[in-house]
Amino acid sequence: MRLILRGAILAGTLAVCPALVSAGDDPYAAGCLLTKLDPNGDGFLSVRTGPGSGYQEIARVNNGDALYFDTRECQGKWCRARGASVKKRETDLQGWFYTAWCEIYP
């Protein structure tokens, strides 16, 4: 899945070729491509230690970055990242993020 997401990010598009997704892929794996952050606002999304704005911020991500997650690990609009692509570099970032600023794709 990360190779597919990385390809979509590097190409600058959300269009992922369905032929690249095999039937054996994890049906719960998903990605969040950040595209909806207001550049005139904060311009970043906080990744936190828990599912809510009251939890400690551990990282900041920006438009164009992607967070990888398992849809079973979401609580409402908060999901737990299990890796990321930040500034087009793969990371092992783990923490909670709010999905309102994401383009979600399988």
N, C-alpha and C. Protein backbone atom coordinates (compact mmCIF):
# COMPACT_ATOMS: atom_id res chain seq x y z
N MET A 1 0.82 -1.19 0.00
CA MET A 1 0.00 0.00 0.00
C MET A 1 0.86 1.25 0.00
N ARG A 2 1.94 1.27 0.76
CA ARG A 2 2.76 2.48 0.83
C ARG A 2 3.37 2.83 -0.52
N LEU A 3 3.72 1.82 -1.32
CA LEU A 3 4.25 2.12 -2.65
C LEU A 3 3.21 2.80 -3.51
N ILE A 4 1.97 2.36 -3.40
CA ILE A 4 0.89 2.97 -4.17
C ILE A 4 0.68 4.40 -3.70
N LEU A 5 0.62 4.61 -2.40
CA LEU A 5 0.42 5.96 -1.86
C LEU A 5 1.58 6.86 -2.24
N ARG A 6 2.81 6.37 -2.13
CA ARG A 6 3.97 7.17 -2.47
C ARG A 6 3.89 7.58 -3.94
N GLY A 7 3.50 6.65 -4.81
CA GLY A 7 3.38 6.97 -6.23
C GLY A 7 2.35 8.05 -6.48
N ALA A 8 1.23 7.97 -5.77
CA ALA A 8 0.19 8.98 -5.93
C ALA A 8 0.67 10.34 -5.45
N ILE A 9 1.40 10.36 -4.37
CA ILE A 9 1.89 11.63 -3.82
C ILE A 9 2.92 12.23 -4.77
N LEU A 10 3.88 11.43 -5.19
CA LEU A 10 4.92 11.95 -6.06
C LEU A 10 4.36 12.41 -7.39
N ALA A 11 3.31 11.77 -7.85
CA ALA A 11 2.69 12.18 -9.10
C ALA A 11 1.81 13.40 -8.91
N GLY A 12 1.53 13.73 -7.65
CA GLY A 12 0.72 14.91 -7.36
C GLY A 12 -0.75 14.70 -7.64
N THR A 13 -1.19 13.47 -7.55
CA THR A 13 -2.59 13.16 -7.85
C THR A 13 -3.11 12.10 -6.91
N LEU A 14 -4.40 12.05 -6.76
CA LEU A 14 -5.02 11.00 -5.94
C LEU A 14 -5.40 9.79 -6.77
N ALA A 15 -5.24 9.88 -8.07
CA ALA A 15 -5.63 8.79 -8.95
C ALA A 15 -4.66 7.63 -8.78
N VAL A 16 -5.14 6.55 -8.21
CA VAL A 16 -4.34 5.34 -8.04
C VAL A 16 -4.89 4.31 -9.01
N CYS A 17 -4.01 3.74 -9.80
CA CYS A 17 -4.44 2.76 -10.79
C CYS A 17 -4.98 1.52 -10.09
N PRO A 18 -6.26 1.15 -10.32
CA PRO A 18 -6.82 -0.02 -9.66
C PRO A 18 -6.06 -1.30 -9.96
N ALA A 19 -5.40 -1.38 -11.08
CA ALA A 19 -4.66 -2.58 -11.43
C ALA A 19 -3.49 -2.82 -10.48
N LEU A 20 -3.03 -1.77 -9.77
CA LEU A 20 -1.91 -1.91 -8.86
C LEU A 20 -2.33 -2.52 -7.52
N VAL A 21 -3.60 -2.52 -7.24
CA VAL A 21 -4.09 -3.03 -5.96
C VAL A 21 -4.46 -4.49 -6.13
N SER A 22 -3.80 -5.36 -5.37
CA SER A 22 -4.10 -6.78 -5.49
C SER A 22 -5.19 -7.17 -4.52
N ALA A 23 -5.84 -8.29 -4.77
CA ALA A 23 -6.93 -8.77 -3.92
C ALA A 23 -6.42 -9.13 -2.53
N GLY A 24 -5.11 -9.37 -2.39
CA GLY A 24 -4.55 -9.75 -1.11
C GLY A 24 -4.24 -8.57 -0.19
N ASP A 25 -4.45 -7.35 -0.66
CA ASP A 25 -4.16 -6.17 0.18
C ASP A 25 -5.07 -6.13 1.39
N ASP A 26 -4.60 -5.55 2.47
CA ASP A 26 -5.37 -5.41 3.69
C ASP A 26 -6.56 -4.50 3.43
N PRO A 27 -7.79 -4.98 3.60
CA PRO A 27 -8.97 -4.15 3.31
C PRO A 27 -9.17 -3.00 4.30
N TYR A 28 -8.45 -3.02 5.41
CA TYR A 28 -8.58 -1.97 6.43
C TYR A 28 -7.50 -0.90 6.31
N ALA A 29 -6.51 -1.14 5.47
CA ALA A 29 -5.42 -0.18 5.29
C ALA A 29 -5.92 1.01 4.48
N ALA A 30 -5.56 2.20 4.92
CA ALA A 30 -5.99 3.41 4.22
C ALA A 30 -4.91 4.48 4.33
N GLY A 31 -5.10 5.53 3.58
CA GLY A 31 -4.18 6.65 3.62
C GLY A 31 -4.93 7.96 3.69
N CYS A 32 -4.29 8.93 4.26
CA CYS A 32 -4.82 10.29 4.36
C CYS A 32 -3.82 11.19 3.67
N LEU A 33 -4.21 11.75 2.53
CA LEU A 33 -3.38 12.74 1.86
C LEU A 33 -3.88 14.10 2.30
N LEU A 34 -3.04 14.87 2.94
CA LEU A 34 -3.44 16.19 3.43
C LEU A 34 -3.51 17.17 2.27
N THR A 35 -4.71 17.70 2.05
CA THR A 35 -4.92 18.63 0.94
C THR A 35 -5.80 19.80 1.34
N LYS A 36 -6.40 19.73 2.51
CA LYS A 36 -7.44 20.71 2.86
C LYS A 36 -7.01 21.71 3.92
N LEU A 37 -5.72 21.75 4.25
CA LEU A 37 -5.26 22.71 5.25
C LEU A 37 -5.21 24.11 4.63
N ASP A 38 -5.67 25.08 5.37
CA ASP A 38 -5.71 26.47 4.90
C ASP A 38 -4.31 27.08 5.03
N PRO A 39 -3.67 27.44 3.91
CA PRO A 39 -2.34 28.03 4.00
C PRO A 39 -2.35 29.39 4.69
N ASN A 40 -3.52 30.03 4.79
CA ASN A 40 -3.63 31.30 5.49
C ASN A 40 -3.99 31.10 6.97
N GLY A 41 -4.21 29.85 7.35
CA GLY A 41 -4.47 29.53 8.75
C GLY A 41 -3.18 29.01 9.38
N ASP A 42 -3.30 27.97 10.22
CA ASP A 42 -2.11 27.38 10.83
C ASP A 42 -1.19 26.77 9.77
N GLY A 43 -1.81 26.15 8.74
CA GLY A 43 -1.03 25.53 7.67
C GLY A 43 -0.45 24.18 8.02
N PHE A 44 -0.81 23.62 9.17
CA PHE A 44 -0.32 22.31 9.56
C PHE A 44 -1.41 21.55 10.29
N LEU A 45 -1.23 20.24 10.38
CA LEU A 45 -2.11 19.37 11.16
C LEU A 45 -1.25 18.75 12.26
N SER A 46 -1.73 18.84 13.48
CA SER A 46 -1.01 18.25 14.61
C SER A 46 -1.28 16.75 14.68
N VAL A 47 -0.22 15.99 14.91
CA VAL A 47 -0.33 14.57 15.22
C VAL A 47 -0.14 14.49 16.73
N ARG A 48 -1.04 13.76 17.41
CA ARG A 48 -1.09 13.80 18.87
C ARG A 48 -0.94 12.41 19.50
N THR A 49 -0.73 12.41 20.81
CA THR A 49 -0.56 11.15 21.55
C THR A 49 -1.86 10.40 21.77
N GLY A 50 -2.99 11.04 21.55
CA GLY A 50 -4.30 10.41 21.74
C GLY A 50 -5.33 11.06 20.83
N PRO A 51 -6.54 10.48 20.79
CA PRO A 51 -7.59 10.93 19.87
C PRO A 51 -8.37 12.15 20.37
N GLY A 52 -7.74 13.30 20.34
CA GLY A 52 -8.41 14.54 20.75
C GLY A 52 -7.42 15.68 20.84
N SER A 53 -7.92 16.90 20.73
CA SER A 53 -7.04 18.06 20.74
C SER A 53 -6.44 18.34 22.12
N GLY A 54 -6.93 17.68 23.14
CA GLY A 54 -6.37 17.84 24.48
C GLY A 54 -5.11 17.03 24.71
N TYR A 55 -4.78 16.14 23.79
CA TYR A 55 -3.57 15.32 23.92
C TYR A 55 -2.35 16.08 23.40
N GLN A 56 -1.19 15.68 23.87
CA GLN A 56 0.06 16.34 23.51
C GLN A 56 0.36 16.22 22.01
N GLU A 57 0.81 17.30 21.41
CA GLU A 57 1.24 17.30 20.01
C GLU A 57 2.63 16.66 19.93
N ILE A 58 2.80 15.71 18.99
CA ILE A 58 4.10 15.06 18.82
C ILE A 58 4.72 15.35 17.47
N ALA A 59 3.91 15.84 16.51
CA ALA A 59 4.45 16.16 15.18
C ALA A 59 3.46 17.07 14.47
N ARG A 60 3.95 17.71 13.41
CA ARG A 60 3.12 18.53 12.54
C ARG A 60 3.32 18.07 11.11
N VAL A 61 2.22 17.94 10.37
CA VAL A 61 2.28 17.56 8.97
C VAL A 61 1.58 18.64 8.15
N ASN A 62 1.88 18.67 6.86
CA ASN A 62 1.40 19.74 5.99
C ASN A 62 0.71 19.19 4.75
N ASN A 63 0.06 20.07 3.99
CA ASN A 63 -0.53 19.66 2.72
C ASN A 63 0.54 18.96 1.88
N GLY A 64 0.15 17.86 1.25
CA GLY A 64 1.07 17.07 0.45
C GLY A 64 1.67 15.90 1.21
N ASP A 65 1.62 15.94 2.54
CA ASP A 65 2.09 14.81 3.35
C ASP A 65 0.98 13.76 3.42
N ALA A 66 1.34 12.53 3.74
CA ALA A 66 0.36 11.45 3.85
C ALA A 66 0.58 10.69 5.15
N LEU A 67 -0.52 10.26 5.74
CA LEU A 67 -0.49 9.43 6.95
C LEU A 67 -1.14 8.10 6.61
N TYR A 68 -0.55 7.00 7.06
CA TYR A 68 -1.08 5.66 6.81
C TYR A 68 -1.77 5.17 8.07
N PHE A 69 -2.91 4.50 7.91
CA PHE A 69 -3.63 4.04 9.09
C PHE A 69 -4.49 2.83 8.79
N ASP A 70 -4.95 2.20 9.84
CA ASP A 70 -5.86 1.05 9.79
C ASP A 70 -7.23 1.60 10.21
N THR A 71 -8.23 1.45 9.36
CA THR A 71 -9.55 2.03 9.64
C THR A 71 -10.18 1.48 10.92
N ARG A 72 -9.72 0.34 11.40
CA ARG A 72 -10.25 -0.22 12.65
C ARG A 72 -9.72 0.54 13.86
N GLU A 73 -8.69 1.36 13.66
CA GLU A 73 -8.10 2.12 14.76
C GLU A 73 -8.53 3.58 14.75
N CYS A 74 -9.73 3.83 14.30
CA CYS A 74 -10.27 5.19 14.30
C CYS A 74 -11.32 5.31 15.40
N GLN A 75 -11.40 6.50 15.97
CA GLN A 75 -12.43 6.82 16.96
C GLN A 75 -13.10 8.09 16.48
N GLY A 76 -14.28 7.93 15.89
CA GLY A 76 -14.94 9.08 15.28
C GLY A 76 -14.11 9.58 14.12
N LYS A 77 -13.79 10.87 14.11
CA LYS A 77 -12.97 11.45 13.04
C LYS A 77 -11.48 11.45 13.36
N TRP A 78 -11.09 10.80 14.45
CA TRP A 78 -9.68 10.68 14.82
C TRP A 78 -9.18 9.28 14.46
N CYS A 79 -8.03 9.22 13.79
CA CYS A 79 -7.44 7.93 13.42
C CYS A 79 -5.99 7.89 13.87
N ARG A 80 -5.49 6.67 14.08
CA ARG A 80 -4.11 6.49 14.54
C ARG A 80 -3.19 6.20 13.37
N ALA A 81 -2.24 7.08 13.14
CA ALA A 81 -1.25 6.90 12.07
C ALA A 81 -0.28 5.78 12.45
N ARG A 82 0.04 4.98 11.45
CA ARG A 82 1.02 3.90 11.61
C ARG A 82 2.09 4.04 10.54
N GLY A 83 2.58 5.25 10.37
CA GLY A 83 3.57 5.56 9.35
C GLY A 83 3.11 6.75 8.54
N ALA A 84 4.05 7.35 7.81
CA ALA A 84 3.72 8.55 7.06
C ALA A 84 4.73 8.79 5.95
N SER A 85 4.34 9.66 5.05
CA SER A 85 5.25 10.21 4.06
C SER A 85 5.24 11.72 4.32
N VAL A 86 6.35 12.23 4.83
CA VAL A 86 6.46 13.64 5.19
C VAL A 86 7.54 14.27 4.32
N LYS A 87 7.16 15.29 3.58
CA LYS A 87 8.06 15.94 2.63
C LYS A 87 8.66 14.89 1.68
N LYS A 88 7.81 13.95 1.27
CA LYS A 88 8.15 12.88 0.32
C LYS A 88 9.20 11.90 0.85
N ARG A 89 9.30 11.79 2.20
CA ARG A 89 10.19 10.81 2.83
C ARG A 89 9.35 9.91 3.72
N GLU A 90 9.57 8.62 3.61
CA GLU A 90 8.86 7.65 4.45
C GLU A 90 9.35 7.78 5.89
N THR A 91 8.40 7.78 6.84
CA THR A 91 8.75 7.84 8.26
C THR A 91 7.94 6.80 9.02
N ASP A 92 8.31 6.54 10.24
CA ASP A 92 7.55 5.62 11.09
C ASP A 92 6.69 6.40 12.09
N LEU A 93 6.27 7.60 11.72
CA LEU A 93 5.44 8.45 12.57
C LEU A 93 4.21 7.69 13.06
N GLN A 94 4.00 7.71 14.36
CA GLN A 94 2.82 7.08 14.95
C GLN A 94 2.16 8.05 15.89
N GLY A 95 0.87 8.24 15.73
CA GLY A 95 0.12 9.13 16.58
C GLY A 95 -1.27 9.34 16.00
N TRP A 96 -2.06 10.15 16.66
CA TRP A 96 -3.45 10.37 16.28
C TRP A 96 -3.62 11.67 15.51
N PHE A 97 -4.48 11.66 14.49
CA PHE A 97 -4.73 12.85 13.68
C PHE A 97 -6.23 12.97 13.38
N TYR A 98 -6.66 14.19 13.12
CA TYR A 98 -8.05 14.49 12.81
C TYR A 98 -8.23 14.42 11.30
N THR A 99 -9.21 13.65 10.84
CA THR A 99 -9.32 13.34 9.41
C THR A 99 -10.04 14.38 8.57
N ALA A 100 -10.55 15.45 9.17
CA ALA A 100 -11.31 16.44 8.40
C ALA A 100 -10.46 17.11 7.32
N TRP A 101 -9.16 17.08 7.46
CA TRP A 101 -8.26 17.78 6.52
C TRP A 101 -7.66 16.82 5.48
N CYS A 102 -8.22 15.63 5.38
CA CYS A 102 -7.65 14.58 4.54
C CYS A 102 -8.48 14.26 3.31
N GLU A 103 -7.80 13.79 2.30
CA GLU A 103 -8.42 13.06 1.20
C GLU A 103 -8.12 11.61 1.55
N ILE A 104 -9.14 10.85 1.93
CA ILE A 104 -8.95 9.46 2.35
C ILE A 104 -9.07 8.55 1.13
N TYR A 105 -8.14 7.61 1.03
CA TYR A 105 -8.22 6.63 -0.05
C TYR A 105 -7.68 5.29 0.43
N PRO A 106 -8.15 4.22 -0.21
CA PRO A 106 -7.73 2.87 0.22
C PRO A 106 -6.30 2.57 -0.14
